Amino acid sequence: MEDTAQTTIQLPAEALEAVKNGIDYSDNRDWIPWAWAALVRAGDVSAELDEFDEEYASHIITLAALGYLFERFHDVYAGVEGDDELTMQFLGTDRPDITAVDVARYCERHGYASGECPETGEGLLQVAVESRRVEVKFRLREVLGDSRLFTSLIVAGRPLPLPEFTDDGEEIETESLRDPLAEDAFDSYVTDVTSDLSGNQPQAYEWLRGHLGD
């Protein structure tokens, strides 16, 4: 039986805000935390980002990569070229930021180098997040499956429904019965999304599967 039990995660609010503010599309349904929770269940990342964890910088780069994946997917879905430049603000001296030294060590460990001379922290961060985005895309495909991942990305970019009101003008409170971080949080939309072949949706699906490059 599929495990849809509640997953509790703790992401630094400042770090998550930096990701959301650094992308060109609104993550209306918290896809980034949801995708992080999927990686937590897979054992790839920690449920809690601890600034004293020796892998903290690596996890922040993964968090940034999730935002970058969300942005690049929606570029393809919207049929626009998009801008490859990373605008997320993560470099600093105090947590939750990571330092240029953190990024340099990460890149050295993974064999990454930027085309700048001399290399800068911003340039190395760009290379690190770009490379991690490709890795995390294929990892999420393994963990979630193509249809579930594709559906989640499309639905997360849709505007939230407008509130409903009673005849007296009072807003009707709606209580979600579904854990928003559960693996099946977007499953009720799968049939609707995957049966739609309009617009740039086929191209976006092929891009997600790696058939149109990264």
C-alpha atoms as a PDB file:
ATOM      1  CA  MET A   1       0.000   0.000   0.000  1.00  0.00           C
ATOM      2  CA  GLU A   2       1.267   3.469  -0.884  1.00  0.00           C
ATOM      3  CA  ASP A   3       2.557   5.518   2.038  1.00  0.00           C
ATOM      4  CA  THR A   4       0.645   8.791   2.258  1.00  0.00           C
ATOM      5  CA  ALA A   5       1.231   9.404   5.951  1.00  0.00           C
ATOM      6  CA  GLN A   6       1.813  12.943   7.098  1.00  0.00           C
ATOM      7  CA  THR A   7       5.323  14.250   6.564  1.00  0.00           C
ATOM      8  CA  THR A   8       6.487  17.031   8.866  1.00  0.00           C
ATOM      9  CA  ILE A   9       9.242  19.275   7.570  1.00  0.00           C
ATOM     10  CA  GLN A  10      10.907  22.416   8.836  1.00  0.00           C
ATOM     11  CA  LEU A  11      12.456  24.736   6.280  1.00  0.00           C
ATOM     12  CA  PRO A  12      13.986  28.073   7.315  1.00  0.00           C
ATOM     13  CA  ALA A  13      11.375  30.689   6.418  1.00  0.00           C
ATOM     14  CA  GLU A  14      14.032  33.066   5.089  1.00  0.00           C
ATOM     15  CA  ALA A  15      15.529  30.407   2.827  1.00  0.00           C
ATOM     16  CA  LEU A  16      12.151  29.358   1.436  1.00  0.00           C
ATOM     17  CA  GLU A  17      11.236  33.006   0.889  1.00  0.00           C
ATOM     18  CA  ALA A  18      14.522  33.563  -0.972  1.00  0.00           C
ATOM     19  CA  VAL A  19      13.638  30.715  -3.337  1.00  0.00           C
ATOM     20  CA  LYS A  20      10.094  31.923  -3.961  1.00  0.00           C
ATOM     21  CA  ASN A  21      11.195  35.522  -4.446  1.00  0.00           C
ATOM     22  CA  GLY A  22      13.917  34.433  -6.852  1.00  0.00           C
ATOM     23  CA  ILE A  23      11.665  32.765  -9.425  1.00  0.00           C
ATOM     24  CA  ASP A  24       9.365  34.320 -12.013  1.00  0.00           C
ATOM     25  CA  TYR A  25       6.277  32.249 -11.202  1.00  0.00           C
ATOM     26  CA  SER A  26       4.086  31.979  -8.117  1.00  0.00           C
ATOM     27  CA  ASP A  27       4.213  28.694  -6.231  1.00  0.00           C
ATOM     28  CA  ASN A  28       0.556  29.030  -5.306  1.00  0.00           C
ATOM     29  CA  ARG A  29       0.164  25.628  -3.659  1.00  0.00           C
ATOM     30  CA  ASP A  30       3.565  25.229  -1.985  1.00  0.00           C
ATOM     31  CA  TRP A  31       5.000  22.840  -4.537  1.00  0.00           C
ATOM     32  CA  ILE A  32       8.537  23.501  -3.311  1.00  0.00           C
ATOM     33  CA  PRO A  33       7.875  22.257   0.274  1.00  0.00           C
ATOM     34  CA  TRP A  34       5.821  19.389  -1.199  1.00  0.00           C
ATOM     35  CA  ALA A  35       8.694  18.315  -3.442  1.00  0.00           C
ATOM     36  CA  TRP A  36      11.094  18.643  -0.502  1.00  0.00           C
ATOM     37  CA  ALA A  37       8.815  16.342   1.515  1.00  0.00           C
ATOM     38  CA  ALA A  38       8.969  13.811  -1.323  1.00  0.00           C
ATOM     39  CA  LEU A  39      12.767  13.873  -1.111  1.00  0.00           C
ATOM     40  CA  VAL A  40      12.535  13.508   2.676  1.00  0.00           C
ATOM     41  CA  ARG A  41      10.454  10.345   2.264  1.00  0.00           C
ATOM     42  CA  ALA A  42      13.026   9.050  -0.215  1.00  0.00           C
ATOM     43  CA  GLY A  43      15.797   9.633   2.332  1.00  0.00           C
ATOM     44  CA  ASP A  44      17.609  12.173   0.136  1.00  0.00           C
ATOM     45  CA  VAL A  45      17.322  15.230   2.389  1.00  0.00           C
ATOM     46  CA  SER A  46      16.618  16.042   6.015  1.00  0.00           C
ATOM     47  CA  ALA A  47      13.139  16.855   7.298  1.00  0.00           C
ATOM     48  CA  GLU A  48      14.656  19.743   9.237  1.00  0.00           C
ATOM     49  CA  LEU A  49      17.304  22.069   7.826  1.00  0.00           C
ATOM     50  CA  ASP A  50      19.741  22.493  10.702  1.00  0.00           C
ATOM     51  CA  GLU A  51      22.286  25.272  10.192  1.00  0.00           C
ATOM     52  CA  PHE A  52      24.853  23.224  12.102  1.00  0.00           C
ATOM     53  CA  ASP A  53      24.408  20.197   9.828  1.00  0.00           C
ATOM     54  CA  GLU A  54      27.562  19.593   7.788  1.00  0.00           C
ATOM     55  CA  GLU A  55      25.308  19.090   4.758  1.00  0.00           C
ATOM     56  CA  TYR A  56      23.460  22.388   5.285  1.00  0.00           C
ATOM     57  CA  ALA A  57      24.920  24.098   2.217  1.00  0.00           C
ATOM     58  CA  SER A  58      24.164  21.053   0.068  1.00  0.00           C
ATOM     59  CA  HIS A  59      20.553  21.047   1.255  1.00  0.00           C
ATOM     60  CA  ILE A  60      20.151  24.763   0.563  1.00  0.00           C
ATOM     61  CA  ILE A  61      21.431  24.197  -2.976  1.00  0.00           C
ATOM     62  CA  THR A  62      18.873  21.406  -3.377  1.00  0.00           C
ATOM     63  CA  LEU A  63      16.118  23.713  -2.107  1.00  0.00           C
ATOM     64  CA  ALA A  64      17.197  26.340  -4.625  1.00  0.00           C
ATOM     65  CA  ALA A  65      17.251  23.674  -7.349  1.00  0.00           C
ATOM     66  CA  LEU A  66      13.617  22.814  -6.629  1.00  0.00           C
ATOM     67  CA  GLY A  67      12.646  26.442  -7.162  1.00  0.00           C
ATOM     68  CA  TYR A  68      14.741  26.596 -10.317  1.00  0.00           C
ATOM     69  CA  LEU A  69      13.079  23.416 -11.613  1.00  0.00           C
ATOM     70  CA  PHE A  70       9.647  24.934 -10.949  1.00  0.00           C
ATOM     71  CA  GLU A  71      10.646  28.080 -12.867  1.00  0.00           C
ATOM     72  CA  ARG A  72      12.197  26.336 -15.883  1.00  0.00           C
ATOM     73  CA  PHE A  73       9.230  23.960 -16.208  1.00  0.00           C
ATOM     74  CA  HIS A  74       6.814  26.878 -16.288  1.00  0.00           C
ATOM     75  CA  ASP A  75       8.959  28.664 -18.867  1.00  0.00           C
ATOM     76  CA  VAL A  76       8.494  25.668 -21.157  1.00  0.00           C
ATOM     77  CA  TYR A  77       4.808  25.375 -20.229  1.00  0.00           C
ATOM     78  CA  ALA A  78       4.296  29.062 -21.047  1.00  0.00           C
ATOM     79  CA  GLY A  79       6.256  28.732 -24.288  1.00  0.00           C
ATOM     80  CA  VAL A  80       8.824  31.383 -23.368  1.00  0.00           C
ATOM     81  CA  GLU A  81      12.609  31.351 -23.530  1.00  0.00           C
ATOM     82  CA  GLY A  82      13.080  32.284 -19.897  1.00  0.00           C
ATOM     83  CA  ASP A  83      16.177  33.619 -18.197  1.00  0.00           C
ATOM     84  CA  ASP A  84      18.812  31.167 -17.025  1.00  0.00           C
ATOM     85  CA  GLU A  85      20.335  33.633 -14.573  1.00  0.00           C
ATOM     86  CA  LEU A  86      19.833  32.600 -10.970  1.00  0.00           C
ATOM     87  CA  THR A  87      18.406  35.497  -8.952  1.00  0.00           C
ATOM     88  CA  MET A  88      17.923  33.776  -5.602  1.00  0.00           C
ATOM     89  CA  GLN A  89      19.773  35.550  -2.818  1.00  0.00           C
ATOM     90  CA  PHE A  90      21.575  32.945  -0.707  1.00  0.00           C
ATOM     91  CA  LEU A  91      25.115  34.159  -0.319  1.00  0.00           C
ATOM     92  CA  GLY A  92      25.967  35.821   2.988  1.00  0.00           C
ATOM     93  CA  THR A  93      27.853  35.414   6.223  1.00  0.00           C
ATOM     94  CA  ASP A  94      25.108  34.255   8.577  1.00  0.00           C
ATOM     95  CA  ARG A  95      22.640  31.386   8.454  1.00  0.00           C
ATOM     96  CA  PRO A  96      20.223  30.748   6.855  1.00  0.00           C
ATOM     97  CA  ASP A  97      22.545  32.059   4.093  1.00  0.00           C
ATOM     98  CA  ILE A  98      25.466  30.036   2.817  1.00  0.00           C
ATOM     99  CA  THR A  99      28.903  31.480   2.209  1.00  0.00           C
ATOM    100  CA  ALA A 100      30.944  31.632  -0.968  1.00  0.00           C
ATOM    101  CA  VAL A 101      33.315  29.185   0.731  1.00  0.00           C
ATOM    102  CA  ASP A 102      30.403  26.771   1.297  1.00  0.00           C
ATOM    103  CA  VAL A 103      29.562  26.905  -2.401  1.00  0.00           C
ATOM    104  CA  ALA A 104      33.194  26.586  -3.507  1.00  0.00           C
ATOM    105  CA  ARG A 105      33.624  23.468  -1.380  1.00  0.00           C
ATOM    106  CA  TYR A 106      30.387  21.996  -2.753  1.00  0.00           C
ATOM    107  CA  CYS A 107      31.510  22.618  -6.343  1.00  0.00           C
ATOM    108  CA  GLU A 108      34.965  21.222  -5.683  1.00  0.00           C
ATOM    109  CA  ARG A 109      33.437  18.076  -4.193  1.00  0.00           C
ATOM    110  CA  HIS A 110      31.223  17.588  -7.249  1.00  0.00           C
ATOM    111  CA  GLY A 111      33.754  18.667  -9.855  1.00  0.00           C
ATOM    112  CA  TYR A 112      31.873  21.806 -10.954  1.00  0.00           C
ATOM    113  CA  ALA A 113      33.512  24.976 -12.260  1.00  0.00           C
ATOM    114  CA  SER A 114      32.152  28.211 -13.681  1.00  0.00           C
ATOM    115  CA  GLY A 115      33.339  29.939 -16.825  1.00  0.00           C
ATOM    116  CA  GLU A 116      34.274  33.078 -14.919  1.00  0.00           C
ATOM    117  CA  CYS A 117      37.871  34.078 -14.382  1.00  0.00           C
ATOM    118  CA  PRO A 118      38.331  34.556 -11.543  1.00  0.00           C
ATOM    119  CA  GLU A 119      35.455  32.451 -10.300  1.00  0.00           C
ATOM    120  CA  THR A 120      32.993  34.154  -7.971  1.00  0.00           C
ATOM    121  CA  GLY A 121      30.594  32.841  -5.357  1.00  0.00           C
ATOM    122  CA  GLU A 122      27.629  33.917  -7.495  1.00  0.00           C
ATOM    123  CA  GLY A 123      29.027  32.162 -10.559  1.00  0.00           C
ATOM    124  CA  LEU A 124      29.706  28.956  -8.683  1.00  0.00           C
ATOM    125  CA  LEU A 125      26.246  29.062  -7.091  1.00  0.00           C
ATOM    126  CA  GLN A 126      24.719  29.371 -10.563  1.00  0.00           C
ATOM    127  CA  VAL A 127      26.591  26.277 -11.753  1.00  0.00           C
ATOM    128  CA  ALA A 128      25.788  24.341  -8.577  1.00  0.00           C
ATOM    129  CA  VAL A 129      22.050  25.043  -8.701  1.00  0.00           C
ATOM    130  CA  GLU A 130      21.801  24.436 -12.465  1.00  0.00           C
ATOM    131  CA  SER A 131      23.500  21.055 -12.105  1.00  0.00           C
ATOM    132  CA  ARG A 132      21.451  20.095  -9.064  1.00  0.00           C
ATOM    133  CA  ARG A 133      18.238  21.072 -10.865  1.00  0.00           C
ATOM    134  CA  VAL A 134      18.864  18.451 -13.540  1.00  0.00           C
ATOM    135  CA  GLU A 135      19.667  15.827 -10.901  1.00  0.00           C
ATOM    136  CA  VAL A 136      16.633  16.599  -8.787  1.00  0.00           C
ATOM    137  CA  LYS A 137      14.311  16.514 -11.798  1.00  0.00           C
ATOM    138  CA  PHE A 138      15.262  12.939 -12.584  1.00  0.00           C
ATOM    139  CA  ARG A 139      15.208  11.987  -8.917  1.00  0.00           C
ATOM    140  CA  LEU A 140      11.660  13.292  -8.491  1.00  0.00           C
ATOM    141  CA  ARG A 141      10.632  11.364 -11.585  1.00  0.00           C
ATOM    142  CA  GLU A 142      11.956   8.220  -9.906  1.00  0.00           C
ATOM    143  CA  VAL A 143      10.310   8.981  -6.573  1.00  0.00           C
ATOM    144  CA  LEU A 144       6.935  10.258  -7.811  1.00  0.00           C
ATOM    145  CA  GLY A 145       6.525   9.013 -11.369  1.00  0.00           C
ATOM    146  CA  ASP A 146       6.124  11.207 -14.450  1.00  0.00           C
ATOM    147  CA  SER A 147       2.360  11.737 -14.257  1.00  0.00           C
ATOM    148  CA  ARG A 148       2.318  12.719 -10.590  1.00  0.00           C
ATOM    149  CA  LEU A 149       5.257  15.087 -10.959  1.00  0.00           C
ATOM    150  CA  PHE A 150       3.878  16.645 -14.141  1.00  0.00           C
ATOM    151  CA  THR A 151       0.455  17.128 -12.577  1.00  0.00           C
ATOM    152  CA  SER A 152       1.853  18.684  -9.431  1.00  0.00           C
ATOM    153  CA  LEU A 153       3.914  21.242 -11.340  1.00  0.00           C
ATOM    154  CA  ILE A 154       0.982  22.365 -13.477  1.00  0.00           C
ATOM    155  CA  VAL A 155      -1.557  22.533 -10.650  1.00  0.00           C
ATOM    156  CA  ALA A 156       0.851  24.331  -8.315  1.00  0.00           C
ATOM    157  CA  GLY A 157       1.106  27.182 -10.794  1.00  0.00           C
ATOM    158  CA  ARG A 158      -2.642  27.684 -11.076  1.00  0.00           C
ATOM    159  CA  PRO A 159      -4.281  30.540  -9.151  1.00  0.00           C
ATOM    160  CA  LEU A 160      -5.962  29.558  -5.909  1.00  0.00           C
ATOM    161  CA  PRO A 161      -9.791  29.463  -6.072  1.00  0.00           C
ATOM    162  CA  LEU A 162     -11.573  32.627  -5.001  1.00  0.00           C
ATOM    163  CA  PRO A 163     -13.245  32.493  -1.573  1.00  0.00           C
ATOM    164  CA  GLU A 164     -16.959  31.711  -1.367  1.00  0.00           C
ATOM    165  CA  PHE A 165     -19.418  33.692   0.732  1.00  0.00           C
ATOM    166  CA  THR A 166     -22.788  33.059   2.376  1.00  0.00           C
ATOM    167  CA  ASP A 167     -25.893  35.091   1.497  1.00  0.00           C
ATOM    168  CA  ASP A 168     -25.029  37.287   4.473  1.00  0.00           C
ATOM    169  CA  GLY A 169     -21.634  38.110   3.011  1.00  0.00           C
ATOM    170  CA  GLU A 170     -19.611  35.983   5.415  1.00  0.00           C
ATOM    171  CA  GLU A 171     -16.720  34.017   3.992  1.00  0.00           C
ATOM    172  CA  ILE A 172     -17.268  30.278   4.017  1.00  0.00           C
ATOM    173  CA  GLU A 173     -14.402  28.599   5.802  1.00  0.00           C
ATOM    174  CA  THR A 174     -13.059  25.565   4.002  1.00  0.00           C
ATOM    175  CA  GLU A 175     -10.916  23.108   5.873  1.00  0.00           C
ATOM    176  CA  SER A 176      -8.557  20.927   3.899  1.00  0.00           C
ATOM    177  CA  LEU A 177      -8.786  17.280   4.904  1.00  0.00           C
ATOM    178  CA  ARG A 178      -5.666  16.382   2.970  1.00  0.00           C
ATOM    179  CA  ASP A 179      -2.137  16.818   4.233  1.00  0.00           C
ATOM    180  CA  PRO A 180      -0.664  19.325   1.722  1.00  0.00           C
ATOM    181  CA  LEU A 181       2.719  17.592   1.964  1.00  0.00           C
ATOM    182  CA  ALA A 182       1.367  14.086   1.411  1.00  0.00           C
ATOM    183  CA  GLU A 183       2.591  12.259  -1.665  1.00  0.00           C
ATOM    184  CA  ASP A 184      -0.958  12.070  -3.052  1.00  0.00           C
ATOM    185  CA  ALA A 185      -1.760  15.763  -2.463  1.00  0.00           C
ATOM    186  CA  PHE A 186      -2.160  16.436  -6.220  1.00  0.00           C
ATOM    187  CA  ASP A 187      -3.477  13.045  -7.291  1.00  0.00           C
ATOM    188  CA  SER A 188      -7.108  14.129  -7.697  1.00  0.00           C
ATOM    189  CA  TYR A 189      -5.988  16.270 -10.658  1.00  0.00           C
ATOM    190  CA  VAL A 190      -3.965  13.610 -12.497  1.00  0.00           C
ATOM    191  CA  THR A 191      -6.616  12.461 -14.976  1.00  0.00           C
ATOM    192  CA  ASP A 192      -7.674  16.003 -15.840  1.00  0.00           C
ATOM    193  CA  VAL A 193      -4.112  17.228 -16.375  1.00  0.00           C
ATOM    194  CA  THR A 194      -2.643  14.258 -18.243  1.00  0.00           C
ATOM    195  CA  SER A 195      -5.623  14.046 -20.633  1.00  0.00           C
ATOM    196  CA  ASP A 196      -5.190  17.684 -21.721  1.00  0.00           C
ATOM    197  CA  LEU A 197      -3.038  18.031 -24.844  1.00  0.00           C
ATOM    198  CA  SER A 198      -3.658  21.738 -25.430  1.00  0.00           C
ATOM    199  CA  GLY A 199      -1.153  24.568 -25.643  1.00  0.00           C
ATOM    200  CA  ASN A 200       2.422  23.791 -24.681  1.00  0.00           C
ATOM    201  CA  GLN A 201       1.493  20.950 -22.367  1.00  0.00           C
ATOM    202  CA  PRO A 202       2.931  18.156 -24.570  1.00  0.00           C
ATOM    203  CA  GLN A 203       6.224  20.027 -24.890  1.00  0.00           C
ATOM    204  CA  ALA A 204       6.358  20.586 -21.138  1.00  0.00           C
ATOM    205  CA  TYR A 205       5.769  16.887 -20.539  1.00  0.00           C
ATOM    206  CA  GLU A 206       8.541  15.927 -22.952  1.00  0.00           C
ATOM    207  CA  TRP A 207      10.881  18.469 -21.328  1.00  0.00           C
ATOM    208  CA  LEU A 208      10.158  16.984 -17.917  1.00  0.00           C
ATOM    209  CA  ARG A 209      11.032  13.533 -19.217  1.00  0.00           C
ATOM    210  CA  GLY A 210      14.319  14.876 -20.571  1.00  0.00           C
ATOM    211  CA  HIS A 211      13.437  14.469 -24.228  1.00  0.00           C
ATOM    212  CA  LEU A 212      13.800  18.178 -25.053  1.00  0.00           C
ATOM    213  CA  GLY A 213      16.979  18.927 -23.155  1.00  0.00           C
ATOM    214  CA  ASP A 214      17.468  20.751 -19.890  1.00  0.00           C
END
